[in-house]
């Protein structure tokens, strides 16, 4: 399941994440603008997240132990990060296709 939060008010970073197989990965990016954003703000290719979280939902359902920096789960983090990146790319393309077809310019 892909997660996304695009609210950018009051210094809230853009958030995206991916949940699969009992693991939840979330990453945060600083928005390029402080109010209205464009489709370009939703593409983070080459950007480094300002913060990441990784939770083992089976052992830690309350999400109190962030494992993102733990070397023992680096492979899981990398896998979920790539799935998140792939889903963002797919979703952003759908947004662009919709805009081109339905929005009046």
N, C-alpha and C. Protein backbone atom coordinates (compact mmCIF):
# COMPACT_ATOMS: atom_id res chain seq x y z
N UNK A 1 0.84 -1.17 0.00
CA UNK A 1 0.00 0.00 0.00
C UNK A 1 0.89 1.24 0.00
N UNK A 2 0.61 2.17 -0.87
CA UNK A 2 1.34 3.42 -0.97
C UNK A 2 0.66 4.47 -0.11
N UNK A 3 1.45 5.29 0.57
CA UNK A 3 0.96 6.37 1.43
C UNK A 3 1.49 7.70 0.92
N UNK A 4 0.68 8.77 1.03
CA UNK A 4 1.15 10.07 0.57
C UNK A 4 0.43 11.16 1.36
N UNK A 5 1.18 12.18 1.76
CA UNK A 5 0.62 13.36 2.41
C UNK A 5 1.20 14.57 1.71
N UNK A 6 0.36 15.37 1.06
CA UNK A 6 0.82 16.50 0.28
C UNK A 6 0.56 17.84 0.96
N UNK A 7 0.13 17.83 2.21
CA UNK A 7 -0.11 19.08 2.93
C UNK A 7 1.22 19.75 3.22
N UNK A 8 1.37 21.02 2.87
CA UNK A 8 2.65 21.70 3.04
C UNK A 8 2.56 22.92 3.97
N UNK A 9 1.51 23.05 4.72
CA UNK A 9 1.38 24.18 5.62
C UNK A 9 2.25 24.04 6.86
N UNK A 10 2.62 25.15 7.42
CA UNK A 10 3.36 25.23 8.69
C UNK A 10 4.59 24.32 8.72
N UNK A 11 5.43 24.39 7.74
CA UNK A 11 6.69 23.63 7.70
C UNK A 11 6.51 22.11 7.68
N UNK A 12 5.36 21.65 7.26
CA UNK A 12 5.12 20.22 7.16
C UNK A 12 5.80 19.69 5.90
N UNK A 13 6.68 18.71 6.03
CA UNK A 13 7.31 18.17 4.82
C UNK A 13 6.35 17.28 4.05
N UNK A 14 6.62 17.14 2.76
CA UNK A 14 5.87 16.18 1.96
C UNK A 14 6.25 14.78 2.44
N UNK A 15 5.27 13.90 2.52
CA UNK A 15 5.52 12.55 3.02
C UNK A 15 5.02 11.52 2.03
N UNK A 16 5.79 10.46 1.90
CA UNK A 16 5.34 9.32 1.11
C UNK A 16 5.89 8.07 1.75
N UNK A 17 5.18 6.99 1.57
CA UNK A 17 5.63 5.76 2.19
C UNK A 17 5.03 4.54 1.53
N UNK A 18 5.47 3.40 2.02
CA UNK A 18 5.02 2.13 1.46
C UNK A 18 4.91 1.11 2.59
N UNK A 19 3.82 0.36 2.59
CA UNK A 19 3.59 -0.68 3.59
C UNK A 19 3.48 -2.02 2.87
N UNK A 20 4.25 -3.00 3.35
CA UNK A 20 4.21 -4.33 2.74
C UNK A 20 4.77 -5.35 3.71
N UNK A 21 4.10 -6.48 3.81
CA UNK A 21 4.61 -7.61 4.57
C UNK A 21 4.96 -7.32 6.02
N UNK A 22 4.20 -6.50 6.67
CA UNK A 22 4.46 -6.20 8.07
C UNK A 22 5.47 -5.10 8.31
N UNK A 23 5.89 -4.43 7.26
CA UNK A 23 6.85 -3.33 7.37
C UNK A 23 6.23 -2.05 6.83
N UNK A 24 6.57 -0.94 7.47
CA UNK A 24 6.09 0.37 7.03
C UNK A 24 7.29 1.30 6.89
N UNK A 25 7.46 1.83 5.68
CA UNK A 25 8.55 2.76 5.37
C UNK A 25 7.93 4.11 5.04
N UNK A 26 8.47 5.18 5.63
CA UNK A 26 7.98 6.54 5.35
C UNK A 26 9.20 7.42 5.14
N UNK A 27 9.11 8.31 4.16
CA UNK A 27 10.19 9.27 3.95
C UNK A 27 9.59 10.67 3.79
N UNK A 28 10.37 11.65 4.17
CA UNK A 28 9.93 13.04 4.19
C UNK A 28 10.84 13.87 3.30
N UNK A 29 10.25 14.77 2.52
CA UNK A 29 10.99 15.69 1.67
C UNK A 29 10.56 17.11 1.97
N UNK A 30 11.50 18.02 1.94
CA UNK A 30 11.17 19.42 2.10
C UNK A 30 10.48 19.90 0.83
N UNK A 31 9.36 20.56 0.99
CA UNK A 31 8.64 21.11 -0.16
C UNK A 31 9.46 22.25 -0.76
N UNK A 32 9.43 22.37 -2.07
CA UNK A 32 10.20 23.41 -2.74
C UNK A 32 9.55 24.78 -2.60
N UNK A 33 8.26 24.80 -2.30
CA UNK A 33 7.54 26.05 -2.09
C UNK A 33 6.83 25.96 -0.74
N UNK A 34 6.46 27.10 -0.21
CA UNK A 34 5.82 27.10 1.11
C UNK A 34 4.31 27.12 1.06
N UNK A 35 3.74 27.34 -0.09
CA UNK A 35 2.28 27.35 -0.16
C UNK A 35 1.82 26.42 -1.28
N UNK A 36 1.50 26.97 -2.43
CA UNK A 36 1.04 26.14 -3.53
C UNK A 36 2.22 25.42 -4.17
N UNK A 37 2.03 24.19 -4.48
CA UNK A 37 3.10 23.44 -5.13
C UNK A 37 2.63 22.98 -6.50
N UNK A 38 3.59 22.58 -7.31
CA UNK A 38 3.30 22.12 -8.66
C UNK A 38 3.63 20.63 -8.75
N UNK A 39 3.37 20.06 -9.90
CA UNK A 39 3.70 18.64 -10.11
C UNK A 39 5.19 18.39 -9.92
N UNK A 40 6.02 19.38 -10.22
CA UNK A 40 7.47 19.21 -10.04
C UNK A 40 7.84 18.96 -8.58
N UNK A 41 7.05 19.50 -7.66
CA UNK A 41 7.31 19.29 -6.24
C UNK A 41 7.06 17.85 -5.82
N UNK A 42 6.33 17.10 -6.62
CA UNK A 42 5.98 15.73 -6.25
C UNK A 42 6.97 14.71 -6.79
N UNK A 43 7.95 15.17 -7.54
CA UNK A 43 8.97 14.29 -8.09
C UNK A 43 10.26 14.50 -7.33
N UNK A 44 10.75 13.48 -6.70
CA UNK A 44 11.92 13.60 -5.84
C UNK A 44 13.12 12.83 -6.39
N UNK A 45 13.15 12.58 -7.68
CA UNK A 45 14.29 11.88 -8.28
C UNK A 45 15.58 12.62 -7.94
N UNK A 46 16.51 11.94 -7.32
CA UNK A 46 17.78 12.53 -6.97
C UNK A 46 17.78 13.29 -5.65
N UNK A 47 16.59 13.56 -5.09
CA UNK A 47 16.51 14.25 -3.81
C UNK A 47 16.74 13.26 -2.67
N UNK A 48 17.43 13.71 -1.66
CA UNK A 48 17.61 12.88 -0.48
C UNK A 48 16.53 13.24 0.54
N UNK A 49 15.85 12.23 1.09
CA UNK A 49 14.84 12.55 2.10
C UNK A 49 15.47 13.28 3.29
N UNK A 50 14.70 14.19 3.89
CA UNK A 50 15.21 14.88 5.08
C UNK A 50 15.09 13.99 6.31
N UNK A 51 14.23 12.98 6.23
CA UNK A 51 14.05 12.06 7.35
C UNK A 51 13.38 10.80 6.82
N UNK A 52 13.73 9.65 7.41
CA UNK A 52 13.10 8.38 7.04
C UNK A 52 12.70 7.63 8.30
N UNK A 53 11.67 6.82 8.15
CA UNK A 53 11.23 5.95 9.24
C UNK A 53 10.96 4.56 8.67
N UNK A 54 11.24 3.56 9.48
CA UNK A 54 10.97 2.17 9.11
C UNK A 54 10.49 1.45 10.37
N UNK A 55 9.34 0.81 10.27
CA UNK A 55 8.77 0.12 11.42
C UNK A 55 8.45 -1.33 11.09
N UNK A 56 8.75 -2.20 12.03
CA UNK A 56 8.35 -3.60 11.97
C UNK A 56 6.99 -3.67 12.66
N UNK A 57 5.92 -3.68 11.87
CA UNK A 57 4.57 -3.58 12.42
C UNK A 57 4.15 -4.82 13.21
N UNK A 58 4.79 -5.95 12.97
CA UNK A 58 4.46 -7.15 13.73
C UNK A 58 5.02 -7.08 15.15
N UNK A 59 6.25 -6.62 15.28
CA UNK A 59 6.88 -6.53 16.60
C UNK A 59 6.62 -5.20 17.30
N UNK A 60 6.27 -4.19 16.51
CA UNK A 60 6.10 -2.84 17.05
C UNK A 60 4.86 -2.18 16.43
N UNK A 61 3.66 -2.69 16.75
CA UNK A 61 2.45 -2.15 16.13
C UNK A 61 2.18 -0.69 16.49
N UNK A 62 2.75 -0.21 17.59
CA UNK A 62 2.57 1.18 17.99
C UNK A 62 3.55 2.13 17.31
N UNK A 63 4.43 1.59 16.48
CA UNK A 63 5.40 2.36 15.72
C UNK A 63 6.23 3.28 16.61
N UNK A 64 6.81 2.71 17.66
CA UNK A 64 7.61 3.51 18.59
C UNK A 64 9.12 3.34 18.39
N UNK A 65 9.54 2.36 17.59
CA UNK A 65 10.96 2.10 17.39
C UNK A 65 11.32 2.26 15.91
N UNK A 66 11.87 3.41 15.56
CA UNK A 66 12.25 3.69 14.18
C UNK A 66 13.53 2.92 13.85
N UNK A 67 13.46 2.00 12.91
CA UNK A 67 14.58 1.15 12.54
C UNK A 67 15.33 1.63 11.29
N UNK A 68 15.01 2.82 10.79
CA UNK A 68 15.57 3.28 9.52
C UNK A 68 17.09 3.30 9.50
N UNK A 69 17.72 3.57 10.62
CA UNK A 69 19.19 3.64 10.67
C UNK A 69 19.84 2.32 11.08
N UNK A 70 19.04 1.29 11.30
CA UNK A 70 19.57 0.00 11.75
C UNK A 70 20.14 -0.78 10.58
N UNK A 71 21.42 -1.16 10.64
CA UNK A 71 22.04 -1.88 9.53
C UNK A 71 21.39 -3.23 9.25
N UNK A 72 20.81 -3.87 10.25
CA UNK A 72 20.22 -5.19 10.07
C UNK A 72 19.00 -5.23 9.18
N UNK A 73 18.41 -4.08 8.92
CA UNK A 73 17.20 -4.03 8.08
C UNK A 73 17.42 -3.15 6.84
N UNK A 74 18.67 -2.91 6.50
CA UNK A 74 19.00 -2.05 5.35
C UNK A 74 18.40 -2.58 4.06
N UNK A 75 18.37 -3.90 3.90
CA UNK A 75 17.80 -4.49 2.69
C UNK A 75 16.30 -4.25 2.60
N UNK A 76 15.62 -4.39 3.71
CA UNK A 76 14.16 -4.14 3.74
C UNK A 76 13.89 -2.67 3.44
N UNK A 77 14.67 -1.79 4.06
CA UNK A 77 14.50 -0.35 3.82
C UNK A 77 14.73 -0.03 2.34
N UNK A 78 15.77 -0.57 1.76
CA UNK A 78 16.07 -0.30 0.34
C UNK A 78 14.96 -0.83 -0.56
N UNK A 79 14.44 -2.00 -0.26
CA UNK A 79 13.37 -2.59 -1.07
C UNK A 79 12.11 -1.73 -1.01
N UNK A 80 11.72 -1.31 0.19
CA UNK A 80 10.51 -0.51 0.34
C UNK A 80 10.71 0.89 -0.24
N UNK A 81 11.91 1.42 -0.13
CA UNK A 81 12.21 2.72 -0.71
C UNK A 81 12.06 2.66 -2.24
N UNK A 82 12.54 1.60 -2.85
CA UNK A 82 12.41 1.44 -4.30
C UNK A 82 10.96 1.26 -4.72
N UNK A 83 10.20 0.50 -3.94
CA UNK A 83 8.77 0.32 -4.25
C UNK A 83 8.04 1.66 -4.14
N UNK A 84 8.40 2.43 -3.13
CA UNK A 84 7.81 3.74 -2.94
C UNK A 84 8.15 4.64 -4.14
N UNK A 85 9.40 4.64 -4.53
CA UNK A 85 9.86 5.44 -5.67
C UNK A 85 9.12 5.04 -6.95
N UNK A 86 8.96 3.76 -7.17
CA UNK A 86 8.26 3.27 -8.35
C UNK A 86 6.79 3.70 -8.34
N UNK A 87 6.16 3.61 -7.19
CA UNK A 87 4.75 4.00 -7.08
C UNK A 87 4.58 5.50 -7.28
N UNK A 88 5.49 6.29 -6.75
CA UNK A 88 5.44 7.74 -6.94
C UNK A 88 5.56 8.08 -8.43
N UNK A 89 6.48 7.43 -9.09
CA UNK A 89 6.67 7.67 -10.52
C UNK A 89 5.40 7.34 -11.31
N UNK A 90 4.79 6.20 -11.00
CA UNK A 90 3.56 5.78 -11.68
C UNK A 90 2.43 6.77 -11.40
N UNK A 91 2.27 7.14 -10.14
CA UNK A 91 1.20 8.05 -9.75
C UNK A 91 1.40 9.44 -10.35
N UNK A 92 2.62 9.93 -10.36
CA UNK A 92 2.88 11.24 -10.97
C UNK A 92 2.58 11.24 -12.46
N UNK A 93 2.87 10.13 -13.13
CA UNK A 93 2.53 10.05 -14.55
C UNK A 93 1.02 10.08 -14.75
N UNK A 94 0.29 9.41 -13.88
CA UNK A 94 -1.18 9.46 -13.96
C UNK A 94 -1.67 10.88 -13.75
N UNK A 95 -1.07 11.60 -12.82
CA UNK A 95 -1.46 12.99 -12.58
C UNK A 95 -1.21 13.85 -13.81
N UNK A 96 -0.06 13.68 -14.43
CA UNK A 96 0.26 14.45 -15.63
C UNK A 96 -0.69 14.11 -16.78
N UNK A 97 -0.98 12.82 -16.94
CA UNK A 97 -1.91 12.40 -17.99
C UNK A 97 -3.30 13.00 -17.76
N UNK A 98 -3.75 13.00 -16.52
CA UNK A 98 -5.05 13.57 -16.18
C UNK A 98 -5.06 15.06 -16.47
N UNK A 99 -4.01 15.75 -16.03
CA UNK A 99 -3.91 17.20 -16.25
C UNK A 99 -3.96 17.54 -17.73
N UNK A 100 -3.23 16.79 -18.53
CA UNK A 100 -3.18 17.05 -19.97
C UNK A 100 -4.55 16.83 -20.62
N UNK A 101 -5.29 15.88 -20.09
CA UNK A 101 -6.57 15.52 -20.71
C UNK A 101 -7.74 16.37 -20.22
N UNK A 102 -7.75 16.70 -18.92
CA UNK A 102 -8.96 17.29 -18.34
C UNK A 102 -8.86 18.73 -17.85
N UNK A 103 -7.68 19.21 -17.56
CA UNK A 103 -7.58 20.55 -17.01
C UNK A 103 -7.50 21.60 -18.11
N UNK A 104 -8.22 22.68 -17.91
CA UNK A 104 -8.21 23.79 -18.85
C UNK A 104 -7.00 24.66 -18.55
N UNK A 105 -6.27 24.97 -19.56
CA UNK A 105 -5.05 25.79 -19.36
C UNK A 105 -5.27 27.18 -19.87
